[in-house]
Amino acid sequence: HKAVVSTQSTGENIRDGKYERDGDFLPLTERIVDIAGETYYFYDTVEGNTLERSMEASKQPIRDGKFLATSFAMPLEGEIIMTEVFRKLPFCKNVEEAGKVVARNLAGVNFLFADSQGNIAYQQSGFVPLRSTATGLVPLPAWDTANHWKGYCQVTTT
């Protein structure tokens, strides 16, 4: 599966260290991280939804309840490509060159460019998830798989 940068926020129903999908409960992936001598607990679903908790709450294992979760629409190799894009971007000589560099970007980012010749350009890059319902403006219950992404919009250029 791809790790899922367009973002999605969902609601997750957690019980006994598991998250709900269509009435079944599946085990969360737990990541225990040491930060500046303190232990923190982070949790993900198989779809890449990372549960959102305060840093204080993250010092303890997760409890039962409903949590906001966030996922990103970007394949794992996207981090490498993004690093390359943002490393090259400051060295572009003009709008056209910058547009070609960010065309490889897999993160859902809006770019606005201008160059010393007076050219101005806008470019949106990245994956845009398809949803069968809703607009993506508010979190949806992830325990109902009807609310999950159904793939990505087709790429077009103008």
Protein backbone atom coordinates (compact mmCIF):
# COMPACT_ATOMS: atom_id res chain seq x y z
CA HIS A 1 0.00 0.00 0.00
CA LYS A 2 1.07 3.62 -0.38
CA ALA A 3 1.62 5.84 2.59
CA VAL A 4 -0.75 8.55 2.36
CA VAL A 5 0.82 15.94 0.18
CA SER A 6 -2.94 16.70 -0.05
CA THR A 7 -4.26 16.02 3.41
CA GLN A 8 -7.36 14.45 4.79
CA SER A 9 -8.70 14.65 8.32
CA THR A 10 -10.93 11.88 9.59
CA GLY A 11 -12.45 10.78 12.85
CA GLU A 12 -11.16 7.50 14.26
CA ASN A 13 -13.01 5.34 16.78
CA ILE A 14 -10.41 3.70 19.07
CA ARG A 15 -11.04 0.79 21.44
CA ASP A 16 -8.40 -1.34 23.21
CA GLY A 17 -5.59 -0.08 20.97
CA LYS A 18 -7.56 -0.85 17.81
CA TYR A 19 -9.41 1.30 15.25
CA GLU A 20 -12.80 0.59 13.72
CA ARG A 21 -13.44 -0.25 10.05
CA ASP A 22 -16.98 -1.17 9.02
CA GLY A 23 -17.73 -2.67 12.46
CA ASP A 24 -14.44 -4.59 12.85
CA PHE A 25 -11.53 -3.41 15.02
CA LEU A 26 -8.00 -3.59 13.59
CA PRO A 27 -4.73 -3.09 15.50
CA LEU A 28 -3.13 0.36 15.45
CA THR A 29 0.56 0.67 14.58
CA GLU A 30 2.29 2.08 17.65
CA ARG A 31 5.48 4.11 17.37
CA ILE A 32 7.31 4.84 20.63
CA VAL A 33 9.70 7.77 20.23
CA ASP A 34 12.19 9.30 22.66
CA ILE A 35 12.33 13.10 22.33
CA ALA A 36 14.68 15.04 24.61
CA GLY A 37 14.59 12.27 27.20
CA GLU A 38 10.80 11.89 27.22
CA THR A 39 8.84 8.98 25.76
CA TYR A 40 5.97 9.70 23.34
CA TYR A 41 3.43 7.33 21.82
CA PHE A 42 2.23 7.84 18.23
CA TYR A 43 -0.40 5.77 16.44
CA ASP A 44 -1.25 5.11 12.78
CA THR A 45 -3.86 3.14 10.87
CA VAL A 46 -2.99 0.94 7.90
CA GLU A 47 -4.25 3.69 5.54
CA GLY A 48 -1.64 6.08 6.94
CA ASN A 49 -4.00 8.05 9.18
CA THR A 50 -1.94 9.44 12.07
CA LEU A 51 -3.95 10.04 15.22
CA GLU A 52 -3.77 13.63 16.46
CA ARG A 53 -3.13 14.05 20.19
CA SER A 54 -1.57 16.81 22.26
CA MET A 55 2.09 16.39 23.17
CA GLU A 56 1.03 15.96 26.80
CA ALA A 57 -1.50 13.22 25.91
CA SER A 58 1.13 11.57 23.68
CA LYS A 59 3.25 10.84 26.76
CA GLN A 60 0.80 8.05 27.63
CA PRO A 61 -0.47 5.07 25.59
CA ILE A 62 -3.70 5.81 23.75
CA ARG A 63 -7.02 5.52 25.55
CA ASP A 64 -10.41 4.57 24.14
CA GLY A 65 -12.38 7.30 22.40
CA LYS A 66 -12.80 9.22 19.16
CA PHE A 67 -9.75 11.01 17.75
CA LEU A 68 -8.98 13.31 14.85
CA ALA A 69 -6.54 11.71 12.40
CA THR A 70 -4.65 13.09 9.41
CA SER A 71 -3.27 11.36 6.34
CA PHE A 72 -1.33 12.61 3.34
CA ALA A 73 -1.72 11.75 -0.34
CA MET A 74 1.87 11.02 -1.28
CA PRO A 75 3.70 7.79 -2.04
CA LEU A 76 6.67 6.89 0.16
CA GLU A 77 9.22 7.90 -2.51
CA GLY A 78 7.67 11.37 -2.50
CA GLU A 79 9.81 12.54 0.40
CA ILE A 80 12.96 12.04 -1.66
CA ILE A 81 11.48 13.83 -4.68
CA MET A 82 10.20 16.71 -2.50
CA THR A 83 13.65 17.20 -1.01
CA GLU A 84 15.16 17.35 -4.50
CA VAL A 85 12.49 19.83 -5.69
CA PHE A 86 12.99 22.24 -2.79
CA ARG A 87 16.78 21.96 -3.05
CA LYS A 88 16.74 22.91 -6.78
CA LEU A 89 14.01 25.56 -6.69
CA PRO A 90 16.10 28.50 -5.38
CA PHE A 91 18.53 28.07 -8.27
CA CYS A 92 15.98 28.32 -11.08
CA LYS A 93 16.73 31.16 -13.51
CA ASN A 94 13.13 31.85 -14.62
CA VAL A 95 9.47 30.90 -14.26
CA GLU A 96 9.63 28.21 -16.94
CA GLU A 97 12.56 26.45 -15.26
CA ALA A 98 10.84 26.63 -11.85
CA GLY A 99 7.65 25.15 -13.32
CA LYS A 100 9.56 22.17 -14.67
CA VAL A 101 11.26 21.57 -11.31
CA VAL A 102 8.03 21.61 -9.27
CA ALA A 103 6.17 19.47 -11.82
CA ARG A 104 7.90 16.50 -10.15
CA ASN A 105 6.65 17.53 -6.70
CA LEU A 106 4.28 14.95 -5.23
CA ALA A 107 3.04 17.13 -2.39
CA GLY A 108 -0.23 19.00 -2.81
CA VAL A 109 1.27 22.48 -2.92
CA ASN A 110 0.32 25.72 -4.67
CA PHE A 111 3.29 27.57 -6.17
CA LEU A 112 3.44 31.19 -7.33
CA PHE A 113 6.54 32.20 -9.31
CA ALA A 114 7.92 35.46 -10.63
CA ASP A 115 11.20 36.12 -12.41
CA SER A 116 13.35 39.15 -13.21
CA GLN A 117 11.89 39.30 -16.76
CA GLY A 118 8.43 40.12 -15.33
CA ASN A 119 6.90 36.67 -15.85
CA ILE A 120 4.44 35.44 -13.24
CA ALA A 121 3.09 31.89 -13.05
CA TYR A 122 0.89 29.78 -10.79
CA GLN A 123 1.19 25.99 -10.58
CA GLN A 124 -0.55 23.43 -8.39
CA SER A 125 1.19 20.11 -7.95
CA GLY A 126 0.67 16.85 -6.14
CA PHE A 127 -1.99 14.22 -5.81
CA VAL A 128 -5.61 15.28 -5.31
CA PRO A 129 -7.65 12.51 -3.67
CA LEU A 130 -11.06 11.48 -5.01
CA ARG A 131 -13.85 11.11 -2.51
CA SER A 132 -17.23 9.62 -3.27
CA THR A 133 -18.85 11.88 -0.68
CA ALA A 134 -18.23 15.28 0.93
CA THR A 135 -15.92 18.11 0.00
CA GLY A 136 -12.97 17.36 2.26
CA LEU A 137 -13.58 20.54 4.25
CA VAL A 138 -14.56 18.71 7.45
CA PRO A 139 -13.39 15.42 9.00
CA LEU A 140 -15.41 12.32 8.15
CA PRO A 141 -15.74 9.12 10.21
CA ALA A 142 -12.97 6.83 8.96
CA TRP A 143 -14.63 3.79 10.53
CA ASP A 144 -17.06 3.88 7.57
CA THR A 145 -14.95 2.95 4.52
CA ALA A 146 -17.45 4.71 2.24
CA ASN A 147 -15.65 7.87 3.38
CA HIS A 148 -12.19 6.68 2.25
CA TRP A 149 -10.34 8.02 -0.80
CA LYS A 150 -11.23 6.30 -4.08
CA GLY A 151 -7.96 7.03 -5.88
CA TYR A 152 -6.62 10.30 -7.26
CA CYS A 153 -7.72 12.90 -9.84
CA GLN A 154 -6.19 12.51 -13.29
CA VAL A 155 -3.28 14.84 -14.09
CA THR A 156 -3.99 17.51 -16.69
CA THR A 157 -1.95 20.41 -17.98
CA THR A 158 -2.92 23.67 -19.62
